[in-house]
N, C-alpha and C. Protein backbone atom coordinates (compact mmCIF):
# COMPACT_ATOMS: atom_id res chain seq x y z
N MET A 1 -23.07 -13.77 -12.08
CA MET A 1 -21.72 -14.17 -11.74
C MET A 1 -20.71 -13.26 -12.45
N ARG A 2 -21.01 -12.89 -13.69
CA ARG A 2 -20.10 -12.02 -14.43
C ARG A 2 -19.95 -10.68 -13.74
N GLU A 3 -21.06 -10.13 -13.19
CA GLU A 3 -21.01 -8.86 -12.49
C GLU A 3 -20.09 -8.95 -11.28
N PHE A 4 -20.10 -10.08 -10.58
CA PHE A 4 -19.23 -10.27 -9.42
C PHE A 4 -17.77 -10.21 -9.83
N GLY A 5 -17.42 -10.86 -10.93
CA GLY A 5 -16.04 -10.84 -11.43
C GLY A 5 -15.59 -9.44 -11.80
N ILE A 6 -16.50 -8.69 -12.42
CA ILE A 6 -16.17 -7.31 -12.81
C ILE A 6 -15.98 -6.45 -11.56
N LEU A 7 -16.86 -6.59 -10.59
CA LEU A 7 -16.73 -5.82 -9.35
C LEU A 7 -15.47 -6.20 -8.60
N LEU A 8 -15.16 -7.49 -8.58
CA LEU A 8 -13.94 -7.93 -7.91
C LEU A 8 -12.71 -7.36 -8.59
N MET A 9 -12.69 -7.36 -9.91
CA MET A 9 -11.55 -6.80 -10.65
C MET A 9 -11.44 -5.29 -10.39
N LEU A 10 -12.57 -4.59 -10.32
CA LEU A 10 -12.54 -3.16 -10.04
C LEU A 10 -12.01 -2.91 -8.64
N GLY A 11 -12.40 -3.73 -7.69
CA GLY A 11 -11.93 -3.59 -6.32
C GLY A 11 -10.44 -3.81 -6.22
N ILE A 12 -9.96 -4.82 -6.89
CA ILE A 12 -8.52 -5.10 -6.88
C ILE A 12 -7.79 -4.03 -7.66
N GLY A 13 -8.34 -3.62 -8.77
CA GLY A 13 -7.70 -2.58 -9.56
C GLY A 13 -7.57 -1.28 -8.81
N SER A 14 -8.49 -0.99 -7.90
CA SER A 14 -8.39 0.24 -7.15
C SER A 14 -7.21 0.20 -6.19
N GLY A 15 -6.70 -0.99 -5.88
CA GLY A 15 -5.53 -1.12 -5.03
C GLY A 15 -4.26 -0.73 -5.74
N CYS A 16 -4.32 -0.46 -7.03
CA CYS A 16 -3.13 -0.11 -7.80
C CYS A 16 -2.68 1.31 -7.52
N ALA A 17 -3.59 2.15 -7.10
CA ALA A 17 -3.21 3.53 -6.80
C ALA A 17 -2.37 3.55 -5.52
N THR A 18 -1.43 4.47 -5.49
CA THR A 18 -0.59 4.62 -4.31
C THR A 18 -1.30 5.55 -3.33
N ALA A 19 -1.29 5.16 -2.05
CA ALA A 19 -1.94 5.96 -1.02
C ALA A 19 -1.21 5.81 0.30
N ALA A 20 -1.22 6.87 1.10
CA ALA A 20 -0.63 6.83 2.43
C ALA A 20 -1.66 7.32 3.44
N SER A 21 -1.78 6.60 4.55
CA SER A 21 -2.73 6.95 5.59
C SER A 21 -2.04 6.94 6.94
N PRO A 22 -2.30 7.95 7.77
CA PRO A 22 -1.71 7.94 9.11
C PRO A 22 -2.40 6.90 9.99
N ILE A 23 -1.62 6.15 10.75
CA ILE A 23 -2.16 5.18 11.70
C ILE A 23 -1.29 5.21 12.96
N VAL A 24 -1.79 4.60 14.03
CA VAL A 24 -0.99 4.47 15.25
C VAL A 24 -0.10 3.24 15.09
N GLY A 25 1.20 3.44 15.22
CA GLY A 25 2.16 2.36 15.06
C GLY A 25 2.30 1.52 16.31
N PRO A 26 3.13 0.50 16.25
CA PRO A 26 3.28 -0.42 17.38
C PRO A 26 3.83 0.24 18.65
N ASP A 27 4.53 1.37 18.51
CA ASP A 27 5.06 2.05 19.70
C ASP A 27 4.12 3.14 20.21
N GLY A 28 2.92 3.24 19.60
CA GLY A 28 1.92 4.20 20.05
C GLY A 28 2.04 5.57 19.41
N THR A 29 3.03 5.76 18.53
CA THR A 29 3.19 7.04 17.85
C THR A 29 2.62 6.95 16.43
N GLU A 30 2.51 8.11 15.79
CA GLU A 30 1.96 8.14 14.44
C GLU A 30 2.94 7.55 13.43
N HIS A 31 2.42 6.65 12.61
CA HIS A 31 3.15 6.05 11.50
C HIS A 31 2.32 6.29 10.25
N MET A 32 2.87 5.95 9.09
CA MET A 32 2.13 6.03 7.84
C MET A 32 2.03 4.63 7.25
N LEU A 33 0.83 4.26 6.80
CA LEU A 33 0.63 3.01 6.08
C LEU A 33 0.53 3.36 4.60
N VAL A 34 1.49 2.88 3.82
CA VAL A 34 1.57 3.20 2.40
C VAL A 34 1.19 1.96 1.60
N LYS A 35 0.24 2.10 0.68
CA LYS A 35 -0.21 0.98 -0.16
C LYS A 35 0.09 1.32 -1.62
N CYS A 36 0.59 0.32 -2.36
CA CYS A 36 0.91 0.54 -3.77
C CYS A 36 0.98 -0.80 -4.50
N SER A 37 1.12 -0.73 -5.81
CA SER A 37 1.28 -1.95 -6.60
C SER A 37 2.74 -2.16 -7.00
N GLN A 38 3.54 -1.13 -7.00
CA GLN A 38 4.97 -1.20 -7.31
C GLN A 38 5.75 -0.69 -6.11
N ILE A 39 6.74 -1.44 -5.64
CA ILE A 39 7.48 -1.06 -4.44
C ILE A 39 8.12 0.32 -4.58
N GLU A 40 8.59 0.65 -5.77
CA GLU A 40 9.20 1.96 -5.99
C GLU A 40 8.20 3.08 -5.72
N ASP A 41 6.94 2.83 -6.08
CA ASP A 41 5.89 3.82 -5.81
C ASP A 41 5.66 3.98 -4.31
N CYS A 42 5.77 2.88 -3.57
CA CYS A 42 5.63 2.95 -2.11
C CYS A 42 6.72 3.82 -1.51
N TYR A 43 7.96 3.62 -1.96
CA TYR A 43 9.08 4.41 -1.44
C TYR A 43 8.86 5.89 -1.72
N GLU A 44 8.43 6.20 -2.92
CA GLU A 44 8.20 7.60 -3.30
C GLU A 44 7.06 8.20 -2.48
N GLU A 45 5.97 7.46 -2.32
CA GLU A 45 4.83 7.95 -1.55
C GLU A 45 5.21 8.15 -0.08
N ALA A 46 6.00 7.25 0.47
CA ALA A 46 6.47 7.39 1.86
C ALA A 46 7.31 8.65 2.00
N ARG A 47 8.19 8.90 1.03
CA ARG A 47 9.03 10.09 1.06
C ARG A 47 8.18 11.35 1.02
N ILE A 48 7.18 11.36 0.17
CA ILE A 48 6.28 12.52 0.06
C ILE A 48 5.47 12.69 1.34
N ALA A 49 4.88 11.60 1.84
CA ALA A 49 4.03 11.66 3.03
C ALA A 49 4.82 12.12 4.26
N CYS A 50 6.09 11.73 4.32
CA CYS A 50 6.93 12.08 5.47
C CYS A 50 7.71 13.37 5.27
N GLY A 51 7.62 13.94 4.10
CA GLY A 51 8.36 15.17 3.84
C GLY A 51 9.86 14.93 3.79
N GLY A 52 10.25 13.73 3.40
CA GLY A 52 11.68 13.41 3.29
C GLY A 52 12.01 12.04 3.83
N LYS A 53 12.63 12.03 5.01
CA LYS A 53 13.15 10.77 5.55
C LYS A 53 12.10 9.97 6.30
N TYR A 54 12.29 8.64 6.26
CA TYR A 54 11.41 7.73 6.97
C TYR A 54 12.16 6.43 7.26
N LYS A 55 11.62 5.66 8.18
CA LYS A 55 12.18 4.35 8.52
C LYS A 55 11.09 3.32 8.23
N ILE A 56 11.44 2.25 7.50
CA ILE A 56 10.48 1.19 7.23
C ILE A 56 10.37 0.31 8.48
N VAL A 57 9.17 0.17 8.99
CA VAL A 57 8.90 -0.62 10.20
C VAL A 57 8.50 -2.03 9.81
N ASN A 58 7.69 -2.17 8.75
CA ASN A 58 7.19 -3.48 8.33
C ASN A 58 6.75 -3.42 6.87
N THR A 59 6.79 -4.55 6.19
CA THR A 59 6.28 -4.65 4.82
C THR A 59 5.39 -5.88 4.70
N ASN A 60 4.49 -5.81 3.74
CA ASN A 60 3.58 -6.92 3.48
C ASN A 60 3.16 -6.85 2.02
N THR A 61 3.18 -7.98 1.34
CA THR A 61 2.70 -8.04 -0.04
C THR A 61 1.62 -9.10 -0.15
N GLU A 62 0.49 -8.72 -0.74
CA GLU A 62 -0.62 -9.63 -0.97
C GLU A 62 -0.77 -9.81 -2.47
N THR A 63 -0.92 -11.05 -2.92
CA THR A 63 -1.09 -11.34 -4.34
C THR A 63 -2.46 -11.95 -4.56
N TYR A 64 -3.14 -11.46 -5.59
CA TYR A 64 -4.48 -11.93 -5.94
C TYR A 64 -4.49 -12.40 -7.38
N GLN A 65 -5.33 -13.38 -7.65
CA GLN A 65 -5.53 -13.82 -9.03
C GLN A 65 -7.01 -13.80 -9.33
N VAL A 66 -7.36 -13.12 -10.42
CA VAL A 66 -8.73 -13.09 -10.92
C VAL A 66 -8.65 -13.52 -12.36
N VAL A 67 -9.24 -14.68 -12.65
CA VAL A 67 -9.21 -15.30 -13.95
C VAL A 67 -7.74 -15.45 -14.38
N ASP A 68 -7.29 -14.72 -15.39
CA ASP A 68 -5.92 -14.85 -15.88
C ASP A 68 -5.01 -13.69 -15.44
N THR A 69 -5.51 -12.86 -14.55
CA THR A 69 -4.74 -11.69 -14.13
C THR A 69 -4.26 -11.87 -12.69
N VAL A 70 -2.95 -11.69 -12.49
CA VAL A 70 -2.37 -11.73 -11.15
C VAL A 70 -1.94 -10.32 -10.80
N THR A 71 -2.32 -9.87 -9.63
CA THR A 71 -1.96 -8.53 -9.20
C THR A 71 -1.47 -8.56 -7.76
N SER A 72 -0.60 -7.65 -7.41
CA SER A 72 -0.06 -7.59 -6.06
C SER A 72 -0.26 -6.21 -5.47
N THR A 73 -0.47 -6.17 -4.17
CA THR A 73 -0.53 -4.92 -3.43
C THR A 73 0.51 -5.00 -2.32
N THR A 74 1.37 -4.01 -2.27
CA THR A 74 2.39 -3.94 -1.23
C THR A 74 1.99 -2.88 -0.22
N LYS A 75 2.23 -3.19 1.05
CA LYS A 75 1.95 -2.24 2.12
C LYS A 75 3.25 -2.03 2.91
N LEU A 76 3.60 -0.78 3.10
CA LEU A 76 4.74 -0.42 3.93
C LEU A 76 4.22 0.31 5.16
N LEU A 77 4.68 -0.08 6.32
CA LEU A 77 4.43 0.68 7.53
C LEU A 77 5.72 1.46 7.79
N VAL A 78 5.63 2.78 7.76
CA VAL A 78 6.82 3.60 7.91
C VAL A 78 6.62 4.60 9.04
N LYS A 79 7.74 5.00 9.63
CA LYS A 79 7.74 6.05 10.64
C LYS A 79 8.58 7.19 10.09
N CYS A 80 7.99 8.36 10.05
CA CYS A 80 8.71 9.53 9.56
C CYS A 80 9.80 9.90 10.56
N THR A 81 10.97 10.29 10.03
CA THR A 81 12.09 10.67 10.88
C THR A 81 12.54 12.08 10.53
N PRO A 82 13.16 12.76 11.49
CA PRO A 82 13.61 14.14 11.22
C PRO A 82 14.83 14.16 10.31
């Protein structure tokens, strides 16, 4: 059981890194899905991934609790703009 808790914490902890992935958005064009633990990091990653400007299409925050630790992962769906 202890190994499960450690693996779960490692899995959640890996969500702390900021990452952007291209996906097909609701209008059928390319969007970026940005995941982070701090919203400011999401904004910065979106700016980098889009090479500047972007429009936020949707946001989602998931909160997890493992033992005494609460952690959140925020996801931004953004569309890069010229």
